[in-house]
Amino acid sequence: KGIYYFVPKMIEYYLGEKPILKNAPTYLPYYDEDRAYTLEHIDELVIK
């Protein structure tokens, strides 16, 4: 599920194309900015 976050980037990296299908809007607490957002807005999010 952590790698899922990067699939749109994989499509651009390997295929040179824009993703046709969207991921659900996802935040990665591994990154400081995303972690801060997750902690601040936890009532609005689903945590996996």
All heavy atoms as atom14 arrays in JSON, in Angstrom:
{
  "sequence": "KGIYYFVPKMIEYYLGEKPILKNAPTYLPYYDEDRAYTLEHIDELVIK",
  "atom14_mask": [
    [1, 1, 1, 1, 1, 1, 1, 1, 1, 0, 0, 0, 0, 0],
    [1, 1, 1, 1, 0, 0, 0, 0, 0, 0, 0, 0, 0, 0],
    [1, 1, 1, 1, 1, 1, 1, 1, 0, 0, 0, 0, 0, 0],
    [1, 1, 1, 1, 1, 1, 1, 1, 1, 1, 1, 1, 0, 0],
    [1, 1, 1, 1, 1, 1, 1, 1, 1, 1, 1, 1, 0, 0],
    [1, 1, 1, 1, 1, 1, 1, 1, 1, 1, 1, 0, 0, 0],
    [1, 1, 1, 1, 1, 1, 1, 0, 0, 0, 0, 0, 0, 0],
    [1, 1, 1, 1, 1, 1, 1, 0, 0, 0, 0, 0, 0, 0],
    [1, 1, 1, 1, 1, 1, 1, 1, 1, 0, 0, 0, 0, 0],
    [1, 1, 1, 1, 1, 1, 1, 1, 0, 0, 0, 0, 0, 0],
    [1, 1, 1, 1, 1, 1, 1, 1, 0, 0, 0, 0, 0, 0],
    [1, 1, 1, 1, 1, 1, 1, 1, 1, 0, 0, 0, 0, 0],
    [1, 1, 1, 1, 1, 1, 1, 1, 1, 1, 1, 1, 0, 0],
    [1, 1, 1, 1, 1, 1, 1, 1, 1, 1, 1, 1, 0, 0],
    [1, 1, 1, 1, 1, 1, 1, 1, 0, 0, 0, 0, 0, 0],
    [1, 1, 1, 1, 0, 0, 0, 0, 0, 0, 0, 0, 0, 0],
    [1, 1, 1, 1, 1, 1, 1, 1, 1, 0, 0, 0, 0, 0],
    [1, 1, 1, 1, 1, 1, 1, 1, 1, 0, 0, 0, 0, 0],
    [1, 1, 1, 1, 1, 1, 1, 0, 0, 0, 0, 0, 0, 0],
    [1, 1, 1, 1, 1, 1, 1, 1, 0, 0, 0, 0, 0, 0],
    [1, 1, 1, 1, 1, 1, 1, 1, 0, 0, 0, 0, 0, 0],
    [1, 1, 1, 1, 1, 1, 1, 1, 1, 0, 0, 0, 0, 0],
    [1, 1, 1, 1, 1, 1, 1, 1, 0, 0, 0, 0, 0, 0],
    [1, 1, 1, 1, 1, 0, 0, 0, 0, 0, 0, 0, 0, 0],
    [1, 1, 1, 1, 1, 1, 1, 0, 0, 0, 0, 0, 0, 0],
    [1, 1, 1, 1, 1, 1, 1, 0, 0, 0, 0, 0, 0, 0],
    [1, 1, 1, 1, 1, 1, 1, 1, 1, 1, 1, 1, 0, 0],
    [1, 1, 1, 1, 1, 1, 1, 1, 0, 0, 0, 0, 0, 0],
    [1, 1, 1, 1, 1, 1, 1, 0, 0, 0, 0, 0, 0, 0],
    [1, 1, 1, 1, 1, 1, 1, 1, 1, 1, 1, 1, 0, 0],
    [1, 1, 1, 1, 1, 1, 1, 1, 1, 1, 1, 1, 0, 0],
    [1, 1, 1, 1, 1, 1, 1, 1, 0, 0, 0, 0, 0, 0],
    [1, 1, 1, 1, 1, 1, 1, 1, 1, 0, 0, 0, 0, 0],
    [1, 1, 1, 1, 1, 1, 1, 1, 0, 0, 0, 0, 0, 0],
    [1, 1, 1, 1, 1, 1, 1, 1, 1, 1, 1, 0, 0, 0],
    [1, 1, 1, 1, 1, 0, 0, 0, 0, 0, 0, 0, 0, 0],
    [1, 1, 1, 1, 1, 1, 1, 1, 1, 1, 1, 1, 0, 0],
    [1, 1, 1, 1, 1, 1, 1, 0, 0, 0, 0, 0, 0, 0],
    [1, 1, 1, 1, 1, 1, 1, 1, 0, 0, 0, 0, 0, 0],
    [1, 1, 1, 1, 1, 1, 1, 1, 1, 0, 0, 0, 0, 0],
    [1, 1, 1, 1, 1, 1, 1, 1, 1, 1, 0, 0, 0, 0],
    [1, 1, 1, 1, 1, 1, 1, 1, 0, 0, 0, 0, 0, 0],
    [1, 1, 1, 1, 1, 1, 1, 1, 0, 0, 0, 0, 0, 0],
    [1, 1, 1, 1, 1, 1, 1, 1, 1, 0, 0, 0, 0, 0],
    [1, 1, 1, 1, 1, 1, 1, 1, 0, 0, 0, 0, 0, 0],
    [1, 1, 1, 1, 1, 1, 1, 0, 0, 0, 0, 0, 0, 0],
    [1, 1, 1, 1, 1, 1, 1, 1, 0, 0, 0, 0, 0, 0],
    [1, 1, 1, 1, 1, 1, 1, 1, 1, 0, 0, 0, 0, 0]
  ],
  "atom14_positions": [
    [[0.82, -1.22, 0.0], [0.0, 0.0, 0.0], [0.85, 1.27, 0.0], [0.4, 2.33, -0.44], [-0.95, -0.01, 1.2], [-2.08, -1.04, 1.09], [-3.0, -0.95, 2.3], [-4.18, -1.92, 2.18], [-3.75, -3.33, 2.24], [0.0, 0.0, 0.0], [0.0, 0.0, 0.0], [0.0, 0.0, 0.0], [0.0, 0.0, 0.0], [0.0, 0.0, 0.0]],
    [[2.08, 1.17, 0.5], [2.97, 2.32, 0.43], [3.46, 2.56, -0.99], [3.54, 3.69, -1.47], [0.0, 0.0, 0.0], [0.0, 0.0, 0.0], [0.0, 0.0, 0.0], [0.0, 0.0, 0.0], [0.0, 0.0, 0.0], [0.0, 0.0, 0.0], [0.0, 0.0, 0.0], [0.0, 0.0, 0.0], [0.0, 0.0, 0.0], [0.0, 0.0, 0.0]],
    [[3.76, 1.47, -1.71], [4.21, 1.58, -3.1], [3.08, 2.11, -3.99], [3.34, 2.8, -4.99], [4.71, 0.2, -3.6], [6.01, -0.18, -2.88], [4.91, 0.21, -5.11], [7.21, 0.71, -3.21], [0.0, 0.0, 0.0], [0.0, 0.0, 0.0], [0.0, 0.0, 0.0], [0.0, 0.0, 0.0], [0.0, 0.0, 0.0], [0.0, 0.0, 0.0]],
    [[1.85, 1.81, -3.64], [0.67, 2.29, -4.39], [0.76, 3.8, -4.66], [0.42, 4.27, -5.75], [-0.58, 1.95, -3.57], [-1.83, 2.73, -3.89], [-2.76, 2.25, -4.8], [-2.12, 3.94, -3.23], [-3.93, 2.95, -5.07], [-3.27, 4.64, -3.49], [-4.18, 4.15, -4.41], [-5.32, 4.85, -4.68], [0.0, 0.0, 0.0], [0.0, 0.0, 0.0]],
    [[1.25, 4.53, -3.68], [1.38, 5.98, -3.8], [2.21, 6.37, -5.03], [1.97, 7.42, -5.65], [2.04, 6.5, -2.52], [2.38, 7.97, -2.48], [1.49, 8.89, -1.97], [3.63, 8.42, -2.91], [1.81, 10.24, -1.89], [3.96, 9.77, -2.84], [3.05, 10.67, -2.34], [3.37, 12.01, -2.27], [0.0, 0.0, 0.0], [0.0, 0.0, 0.0]],
    [[3.17, 5.52, -5.39], [4.12, 5.87, -6.45], [3.73, 5.36, -7.83], [4.43, 5.62, -8.81], [5.52, 5.32, -6.1], [6.09, 5.88, -4.84], [6.01, 5.18, -3.65], [6.7, 7.13, -4.83], [6.54, 5.68, -2.47], [7.23, 7.66, -3.66], [7.15, 6.94, -2.47], [0.0, 0.0, 0.0], [0.0, 0.0, 0.0], [0.0, 0.0, 0.0]],
    [[2.62, 4.62, -7.95], [2.28, 4.03, -9.26], [2.08, 5.1, -10.34], [2.57, 4.93, -11.47], [1.07, 3.09, -9.14], [0.67, 2.56, -10.53], [1.38, 1.92, -8.21], [0.0, 0.0, 0.0], [0.0, 0.0, 0.0], [0.0, 0.0, 0.0], [0.0, 0.0, 0.0], [0.0, 0.0, 0.0], [0.0, 0.0, 0.0], [0.0, 0.0, 0.0]],
    [[1.39, 6.22, -10.08], [1.31, 7.24, -11.13], [2.68, 7.72, -11.59], [2.9, 7.97, -12.79], [0.51, 8.37, -10.45], [-0.32, 7.66, -9.42], [0.58, 6.57, -8.91], [0.0, 0.0, 0.0], [0.0, 0.0, 0.0], [0.0, 0.0, 0.0], [0.0, 0.0, 0.0], [0.0, 0.0, 0.0], [0.0, 0.0, 0.0], [0.0, 0.0, 0.0]],
    [[3.63, 7.82, -10.66], [4.99, 8.22, -11.04], [5.66, 7.12, -11.87], [6.45, 7.42, -12.78], [5.83, 8.5, -9.78], [5.31, 9.65, -8.91], [6.15, 9.79, -7.66], [5.6, 10.84, -6.71], [5.78, 12.2, -7.23], [0.0, 0.0, 0.0], [0.0, 0.0, 0.0], [0.0, 0.0, 0.0], [0.0, 0.0, 0.0], [0.0, 0.0, 0.0]],
    [[5.37, 5.85, -11.56], [5.93, 4.74, -12.34], [5.45, 4.81, -13.79], [6.21, 4.55, -14.72], [5.48, 3.4, -11.77], [6.06, 3.02, -10.45], [5.34, 1.42, -9.99], [5.62, 1.46, -8.22], [0.0, 0.0, 0.0], [0.0, 0.0, 0.0], [0.0, 0.0, 0.0], [0.0, 0.0, 0.0], [0.0, 0.0, 0.0], [0.0, 0.0, 0.0]],
    [[4.17, 5.12, -13.97], [3.62, 5.19, -15.32], [4.36, 6.23, -16.13], [4.72, 6.0, -17.29], [2.1, 5.48, -15.25], [1.36, 4.28, -14.65], [1.55, 5.82, -16.63], [-0.09, 4.54, -14.31], [0.0, 0.0, 0.0], [0.0, 0.0, 0.0], [0.0, 0.0, 0.0], [0.0, 0.0, 0.0], [0.0, 0.0, 0.0], [0.0, 0.0, 0.0]],
    [[4.61, 7.37, -15.52], [5.34, 8.42, -16.24], [6.79, 8.02, -16.46], [7.37, 8.27, -17.54], [5.26, 9.74, -15.47], [3.83, 10.28, -15.37], [3.79, 11.71, -14.86], [4.77, 12.46, -15.09], [2.77, 12.08, -14.23], [0.0, 0.0, 0.0], [0.0, 0.0, 0.0], [0.0, 0.0, 0.0], [0.0, 0.0, 0.0], [0.0, 0.0, 0.0]],
    [[7.4, 7.36, -15.47], [8.82, 7.01, -15.56], [9.07, 5.92, -16.6], [9.97, 6.04, -17.43], [9.32, 6.55, -14.19], [10.78, 6.16, -14.16], [11.78, 7.14, -14.14], [11.16, 4.82, -14.18], [13.12, 6.79, -14.11], [12.5, 4.46, -14.15], [13.47, 5.44, -14.13], [14.8, 5.1, -14.11], [0.0, 0.0, 0.0], [0.0, 0.0, 0.0]],
    [[8.28, 4.85, -16.56], [8.54, 3.72, -17.45], [7.88, 3.86, -18.83], [8.44, 3.4, -19.82], [8.04, 2.42, -16.8], [8.84, 1.99, -15.61], [8.25, 1.93, -14.35], [10.19, 1.65, -15.72], [8.98, 1.54, -13.24], [10.92, 1.26, -14.61], [10.32, 1.2, -13.37], [11.04, 0.82, -12.26], [0.0, 0.0, 0.0], [0.0, 0.0, 0.0]],
    [[6.7, 4.47, -18.87], [5.95, 4.5, -20.12], [5.96, 5.87, -20.78], [5.58, 5.99, -21.95], [4.5, 4.07, -19.87], [4.29, 2.71, -19.17], [2.8, 2.41, -19.04], [4.99, 1.59, -19.94], [0.0, 0.0, 0.0], [0.0, 0.0, 0.0], [0.0, 0.0, 0.0], [0.0, 0.0, 0.0], [0.0, 0.0, 0.0], [0.0, 0.0, 0.0]],
    [[6.36, 6.9, -20.03], [6.35, 8.26, -20.6], [4.95, 8.76, -20.89], [4.74, 9.54, -21.82], [0.0, 0.0, 0.0], [0.0, 0.0, 0.0], [0.0, 0.0, 0.0], [0.0, 0.0, 0.0], [0.0, 0.0, 0.0], [0.0, 0.0, 0.0], [0.0, 0.0, 0.0], [0.0, 0.0, 0.0], [0.0, 0.0, 0.0], [0.0, 0.0, 0.0]],
    [[3.97, 8.31, -20.09], [2.57, 8.66, -20.3], [1.96, 9.22, -19.02], [2.44, 8.94, -17.92], [1.77, 7.42, -20.73], [2.27, 6.77, -22.0], [1.62, 5.4, -22.26], [0.81, 4.95, -21.42], [1.95, 4.79, -23.29], [0.0, 0.0, 0.0], [0.0, 0.0, 0.0], [0.0, 0.0, 0.0], [0.0, 0.0, 0.0], [0.0, 0.0, 0.0]],
    [[0.91, 9.99, -19.19], [0.14, 10.45, -18.04], [-0.83, 9.33, -17.62], [-1.4, 8.66, -18.47], [-0.65, 11.72, -18.39], [0.22, 12.93, -18.65], [0.93, 13.39, -17.38], [1.75, 14.65, -17.64], [2.51, 15.06, -16.42], [0.0, 0.0, 0.0], [0.0, 0.0, 0.0], [0.0, 0.0, 0.0], [0.0, 0.0, 0.0], [0.0, 0.0, 0.0]],
    [[-1.01, 9.14, -16.32], [-1.93, 8.08, -15.88], [-3.35, 8.34, -16.36], [-3.85, 9.46, -16.28], [-1.84, 8.15, -14.35], [-0.55, 8.85, -14.06], [-0.34, 9.81, -15.19], [0.0, 0.0, 0.0], [0.0, 0.0, 0.0], [0.0, 0.0, 0.0], [0.0, 0.0, 0.0], [0.0, 0.0, 0.0], [0.0, 0.0, 0.0], [0.0, 0.0, 0.0]],
    [[-3.98, 7.29, -16.85], [-5.37, 7.38, -17.3], [-6.32, 7.25, -16.11], [-7.31, 7.96, -16.04], [-5.65, 6.3, -18.36], [-4.78, 6.54, -19.61], [-7.14, 6.27, -18.73], [-4.79, 5.4, -20.6], [0.0, 0.0, 0.0], [0.0, 0.0, 0.0], [0.0, 0.0, 0.0], [0.0, 0.0, 0.0], [0.0, 0.0, 0.0], [0.0, 0.0, 0.0]],
    [[-6.0, 6.35, -15.21], [-6.83, 6.14, -14.02], [-6.19, 6.84, -12.81], [-4.97, 6.9, -12.7], [-6.97, 4.65, -13.72], [-7.72, 3.82, -14.76], [-7.68, 2.35, -14.39], [-9.17, 4.29, -14.88], [0.0, 0.0, 0.0], [0.0, 0.0, 0.0], [0.0, 0.0, 0.0], [0.0, 0.0, 0.0], [0.0, 0.0, 0.0], [0.0, 0.0, 0.0]],
    [[-7.02, 7.32, -11.93], [-6.55, 8.06, -10.76], [-6.39, 7.14, -9.56], [-7.17, 6.22, -9.37], [-7.53, 9.17, -10.41], [-7.62, 10.28, -11.43], [-8.56, 11.37, -10.95], [-8.61, 12.53, -11.93], [-9.52, 13.62, -11.46], [0.0, 0.0, 0.0], [0.0, 0.0, 0.0], [0.0, 0.0, 0.0], [0.0, 0.0, 0.0], [0.0, 0.0, 0.0]],
    [[-5.37, 7.41, -8.75], [-5.33, 6.89, -7.39], [-6.33, 7.66, -6.54], [-6.66, 8.82, -6.86], [-3.95, 7.08, -6.77], [-2.97, 5.98, -7.12], [-3.21, 5.16, -8.0], [-1.84, 5.96, -6.43], [0.0, 0.0, 0.0], [0.0, 0.0, 0.0], [0.0, 0.0, 0.0], [0.0, 0.0, 0.0], [0.0, 0.0, 0.0], [0.0, 0.0, 0.0]],
    [[-6.78, 7.05, -5.46], [-7.49, 7.84, -4.45], [-6.5, 8.88, -3.91], [-5.3, 8.59, -3.79], [-7.98, 6.94, -3.33], [0.0, 0.0, 0.0], [0.0, 0.0, 0.0], [0.0, 0.0, 0.0], [0.0, 0.0, 0.0], [0.0, 0.0, 0.0], [0.0, 0.0, 0.0], [0.0, 0.0, 0.0], [0.0, 0.0, 0.0], [0.0, 0.0, 0.0]],
    [[-6.94, 10.08, -3.59], [-6.02, 11.08, -3.02], [-5.34, 10.51, -1.77], [-6.01, 10.18, -0.78], [-6.94, 12.25, -2.68], [-8.11, 12.1, -3.62], [-8.31, 10.62, -3.77], [0.0, 0.0, 0.0], [0.0, 0.0, 0.0], [0.0, 0.0, 0.0], [0.0, 0.0, 0.0], [0.0, 0.0, 0.0], [0.0, 0.0, 0.0], [0.0, 0.0, 0.0]],
    [[-4.02, 10.38, -1.84], [-3.27, 9.63, -0.84], [-2.13, 10.47, -0.27], [-1.48, 11.22, -1.0], [-2.7, 8.33, -1.46], [-3.77, 7.57, -2.01], [-1.96, 7.49, -0.44], [0.0, 0.0, 0.0], [0.0, 0.0, 0.0], [0.0, 0.0, 0.0], [0.0, 0.0, 0.0], [0.0, 0.0, 0.0], [0.0, 0.0, 0.0], [0.0, 0.0, 0.0]],
    [[-1.89, 10.27, 1.03], [-0.8, 10.96, 1.71], [0.12, 9.92, 2.33], [-0.34, 8.9, 2.84], [-1.36, 11.9, 2.8], [-2.38, 12.86, 2.25], [-3.74, 12.53, 2.31], [-2.0, 14.04, 1.63], [-4.7, 13.38, 1.78], [-2.96, 14.9, 1.09], [-4.3, 14.56, 1.17], [-5.24, 15.4, 0.62], [0.0, 0.0, 0.0], [0.0, 0.0, 0.0]],
    [[1.4, 10.21, 2.28], [2.41, 9.28, 2.77], [3.08, 9.88, 4.0], [3.9, 10.8, 3.87], [3.45, 9.05, 1.66], [4.06, 7.66, 1.53], [2.99, 6.61, 1.33], [5.03, 7.63, 0.36], [0.0, 0.0, 0.0], [0.0, 0.0, 0.0], [0.0, 0.0, 0.0], [0.0, 0.0, 0.0], [0.0, 0.0, 0.0], [0.0, 0.0, 0.0]],
    [[2.75, 9.41, 5.19], [3.35, 9.98, 6.41], [4.87, 9.89, 6.44], [5.51, 10.56, 7.26], [2.72, 9.15, 7.53], [1.41, 8.7, 6.98], [1.68, 8.44, 5.52], [0.0, 0.0, 0.0], [0.0, 0.0, 0.0], [0.0, 0.0, 0.0], [0.0, 0.0, 0.0], [0.0, 0.0, 0.0], [0.0, 0.0, 0.0], [0.0, 0.0, 0.0]],
    [[5.45, 9.1, 5.58], [6.91, 9.03, 5.44], [7.48, 10.41, 5.14], [8.58, 10.75, 5.59], [7.24, 8.04, 4.33], [8.68, 7.95, 3.94], [9.58, 7.15, 4.65], [9.17, 8.64, 2.83], [10.9, 7.05, 4.28], [10.5, 8.55, 2.45], [11.36, 7.75, 3.17], [12.67, 7.65, 2.8], [0.0, 0.0, 0.0], [0.0, 0.0, 0.0]],
    [[6.71, 11.21, 4.39], [7.13, 12.58, 4.07], [6.6, 13.53, 5.15], [5.43, 13.43, 5.55], [6.62, 12.99, 2.7], [7.22, 12.2, 1.56], [6.41, 11.46, 0.7], [8.59, 12.19, 1.34], [6.95, 10.73, -0.35], [9.14, 11.48, 0.29], [8.33, 10.74, -0.55], [8.88, 10.03, -1.59], [0.0, 0.0, 0.0], [0.0, 0.0, 0.0]],
    [[7.44, 14.45, 5.58], [7.08, 15.35, 6.68], [5.77, 16.1, 6.4], [4.9, 16.19, 7.28], [8.2, 16.38, 6.92], [9.47, 15.73, 7.45], [9.38, 14.58, 7.94], [10.54, 16.35, 7.38], [0.0, 0.0, 0.0], [0.0, 0.0, 0.0], [0.0, 0.0, 0.0], [0.0, 0.0, 0.0], [0.0, 0.0, 0.0], [0.0, 0.0, 0.0]],
    [[5.65, 16.62, 5.2], [4.45, 17.42, 4.88], [3.19, 16.56, 4.94], [2.16, 16.99, 5.48], [4.62, 18.03, 3.48], [3.48, 18.95, 3.08], [3.71, 19.58, 1.71], [4.82, 19.42, 1.14], [2.77, 20.22, 1.19], [0.0, 0.0, 0.0], [0.0, 0.0, 0.0], [0.0, 0.0, 0.0], [0.0, 0.0, 0.0], [0.0, 0.0, 0.0]],
    [[3.28, 15.35, 4.38], [2.11, 14.46, 4.38], [1.79, 13.97, 5.8], [0.62, 13.79, 6.16], [2.36, 13.26, 3.48], [2.22, 13.61, 2.0], [2.15, 14.8, 1.68], [2.17, 12.68, 1.17], [0.0, 0.0, 0.0], [0.0, 0.0, 0.0], [0.0, 0.0, 0.0], [0.0, 0.0, 0.0], [0.0, 0.0, 0.0], [0.0, 0.0, 0.0]],
    [[2.83, 13.76, 6.6], [2.6, 13.34, 7.99], [1.88, 14.44, 8.76], [0.93, 14.17, 9.5], [3.92, 12.98, 8.67], [3.72, 12.45, 10.09], [4.99, 11.8, 10.62], [6.12, 12.7, 10.73], [7.17, 12.72, 9.91], [7.26, 11.85, 8.91], [8.15, 13.58, 10.08], [0.0, 0.0, 0.0], [0.0, 0.0, 0.0], [0.0, 0.0, 0.0]],
    [[2.32, 15.66, 8.58], [1.68, 16.77, 9.27], [0.21, 16.91, 8.86], [-0.68, 17.14, 9.69], [2.44, 18.07, 8.98], [0.0, 0.0, 0.0], [0.0, 0.0, 0.0], [0.0, 0.0, 0.0], [0.0, 0.0, 0.0], [0.0, 0.0, 0.0], [0.0, 0.0, 0.0], [0.0, 0.0, 0.0], [0.0, 0.0, 0.0], [0.0, 0.0, 0.0]],
    [[-0.03, 16.74, 7.55], [-1.41, 16.85, 7.07], [-2.26, 15.73, 7.65], [-3.4, 15.95, 8.08], [-1.43, 16.78, 5.53], [-2.82, 16.97, 4.96], [-3.28, 18.23, 4.63], [-3.68, 15.88, 4.79], [-4.57, 18.41, 4.12], [-4.97, 16.05, 4.29], [-5.4, 17.32, 3.96], [-6.67, 17.5, 3.47], [0.0, 0.0, 0.0], [0.0, 0.0, 0.0]],
    [[-1.7, 14.5, 7.67], [-2.45, 13.36, 8.2], [-2.82, 13.57, 9.66], [-3.96, 13.32, 10.07], [-1.62, 12.07, 8.04], [-1.38, 11.84, 6.65], [-2.33, 10.88, 8.65], [0.0, 0.0, 0.0], [0.0, 0.0, 0.0], [0.0, 0.0, 0.0], [0.0, 0.0, 0.0], [0.0, 0.0, 0.0], [0.0, 0.0, 0.0], [0.0, 0.0, 0.0]],
    [[-1.87, 14.04, 10.45], [-2.13, 14.23, 11.88], [-3.15, 15.34, 12.12], [-4.0, 15.25, 13.01], [-0.82, 14.55, 12.6], [0.25, 13.45, 12.57], [1.54, 13.94, 13.2], [-0.24, 12.18, 13.26], [0.0, 0.0, 0.0], [0.0, 0.0, 0.0], [0.0, 0.0, 0.0], [0.0, 0.0, 0.0], [0.0, 0.0, 0.0], [0.0, 0.0, 0.0]],
    [[-3.08, 16.37, 11.3], [-3.99, 17.51, 11.49], [-5.4, 17.21, 11.01], [-6.38, 17.7, 11.57], [-3.43, 18.72, 10.73], [-4.25, 19.99, 10.93], [-3.65, 21.19, 10.21], [-2.49, 21.07, 9.74], [-4.34, 22.23, 10.11], [0.0, 0.0, 0.0], [0.0, 0.0, 0.0], [0.0, 0.0, 0.0], [0.0, 0.0, 0.0], [0.0, 0.0, 0.0]],
    [[-5.52, 16.37, 9.97], [-6.83, 16.13, 9.34], [-7.3, 14.69, 9.53], [-8.09, 14.19, 8.73], [-6.75, 16.46, 7.85], [-6.44, 17.88, 7.55], [-7.41, 18.85, 7.41], [-5.25, 18.52, 7.38], [-6.84, 20.01, 7.15], [-5.52, 19.85, 7.12], [0.0, 0.0, 0.0], [0.0, 0.0, 0.0], [0.0, 0.0, 0.0], [0.0, 0.0, 0.0]],
    [[-6.85, 14.04, 10.57], [-7.12, 12.61, 10.73], [-8.63, 12.31, 10.76], [-9.07, 11.24, 10.33], [-6.41, 12.06, 11.98], [-6.38, 10.51, 11.94], [-7.06, 12.58, 13.27], [-5.43, 9.9, 12.94], [0.0, 0.0, 0.0], [0.0, 0.0, 0.0], [0.0, 0.0, 0.0], [0.0, 0.0, 0.0], [0.0, 0.0, 0.0], [0.0, 0.0, 0.0]],
    [[-9.43, 13.26, 11.22], [-10.89, 13.05, 11.26], [-11.49, 12.93, 9.86], [-12.58, 12.37, 9.71], [-11.58, 14.21, 11.99], [-11.34, 14.14, 13.49], [-11.13, 13.04, 14.0], [-11.36, 15.2, 14.15], [0.0, 0.0, 0.0], [0.0, 0.0, 0.0], [0.0, 0.0, 0.0], [0.0, 0.0, 0.0], [0.0, 0.0, 0.0], [0.0, 0.0, 0.0]],
    [[-10.79, 13.44, 8.87], [-11.33, 13.44, 7.5], [-10.77, 12.3, 6.65], [-11.15, 12.15, 5.49], [-10.97, 14.77, 6.81], [-11.39, 16.01, 7.58], [-10.67, 17.25, 7.09], [-10.15, 17.22, 5.95], [-10.62, 18.24, 7.84], [0.0, 0.0, 0.0], [0.0, 0.0, 0.0], [0.0, 0.0, 0.0], [0.0, 0.0, 0.0], [0.0, 0.0, 0.0]],
    [[-9.88, 11.48, 7.23], [-9.12, 10.52, 6.43], [-9.4, 9.09, 6.85], [-9.89, 8.82, 7.95], [-7.62, 10.8, 6.57], [-7.15, 12.19, 6.18], [-5.68, 12.38, 6.56], [-7.33, 12.42, 4.68], [0.0, 0.0, 0.0], [0.0, 0.0, 0.0], [0.0, 0.0, 0.0], [0.0, 0.0, 0.0], [0.0, 0.0, 0.0], [0.0, 0.0, 0.0]],
    [[-9.06, 8.17, 5.95], [-9.02, 6.75, 6.29], [-7.54, 6.37, 6.37], [-6.75, 6.72, 5.48], [-9.78, 5.89, 5.26], [-9.28, 6.1, 3.85], [-9.7, 4.4, 5.62], [0.0, 0.0, 0.0], [0.0, 0.0, 0.0], [0.0, 0.0, 0.0], [0.0, 0.0, 0.0], [0.0, 0.0, 0.0], [0.0, 0.0, 0.0], [0.0, 0.0, 0.0]],
    [[-7.17, 5.69, 7.43], [-5.78, 5.31, 7.66], [-5.65, 3.81, 7.37], [-6.45, 3.01, 7.86], [-5.34, 5.59, 9.11], [-5.75, 7.02, 9.54], [-3.85, 5.38, 9.26], [-5.15, 8.12, 8.7], [0.0, 0.0, 0.0], [0.0, 0.0, 0.0], [0.0, 0.0, 0.0], [0.0, 0.0, 0.0], [0.0, 0.0, 0.0], [0.0, 0.0, 0.0]],
    [[-4.63, 3.45, 6.59], [-4.44, 2.04, 6.23], [-3.06, 1.57, 6.66], [-2.05, 2.25, 6.39], [-4.61, 1.84, 4.72], [-6.01, 2.16, 4.22], [-6.16, 1.9, 2.73], [-7.57, 2.18, 2.25], [-7.74, 1.91, 0.8], [0.0, 0.0, 0.0], [0.0, 0.0, 0.0], [0.0, 0.0, 0.0], [0.0, 0.0, 0.0], [0.0, 0.0, 0.0]]
  ]
}
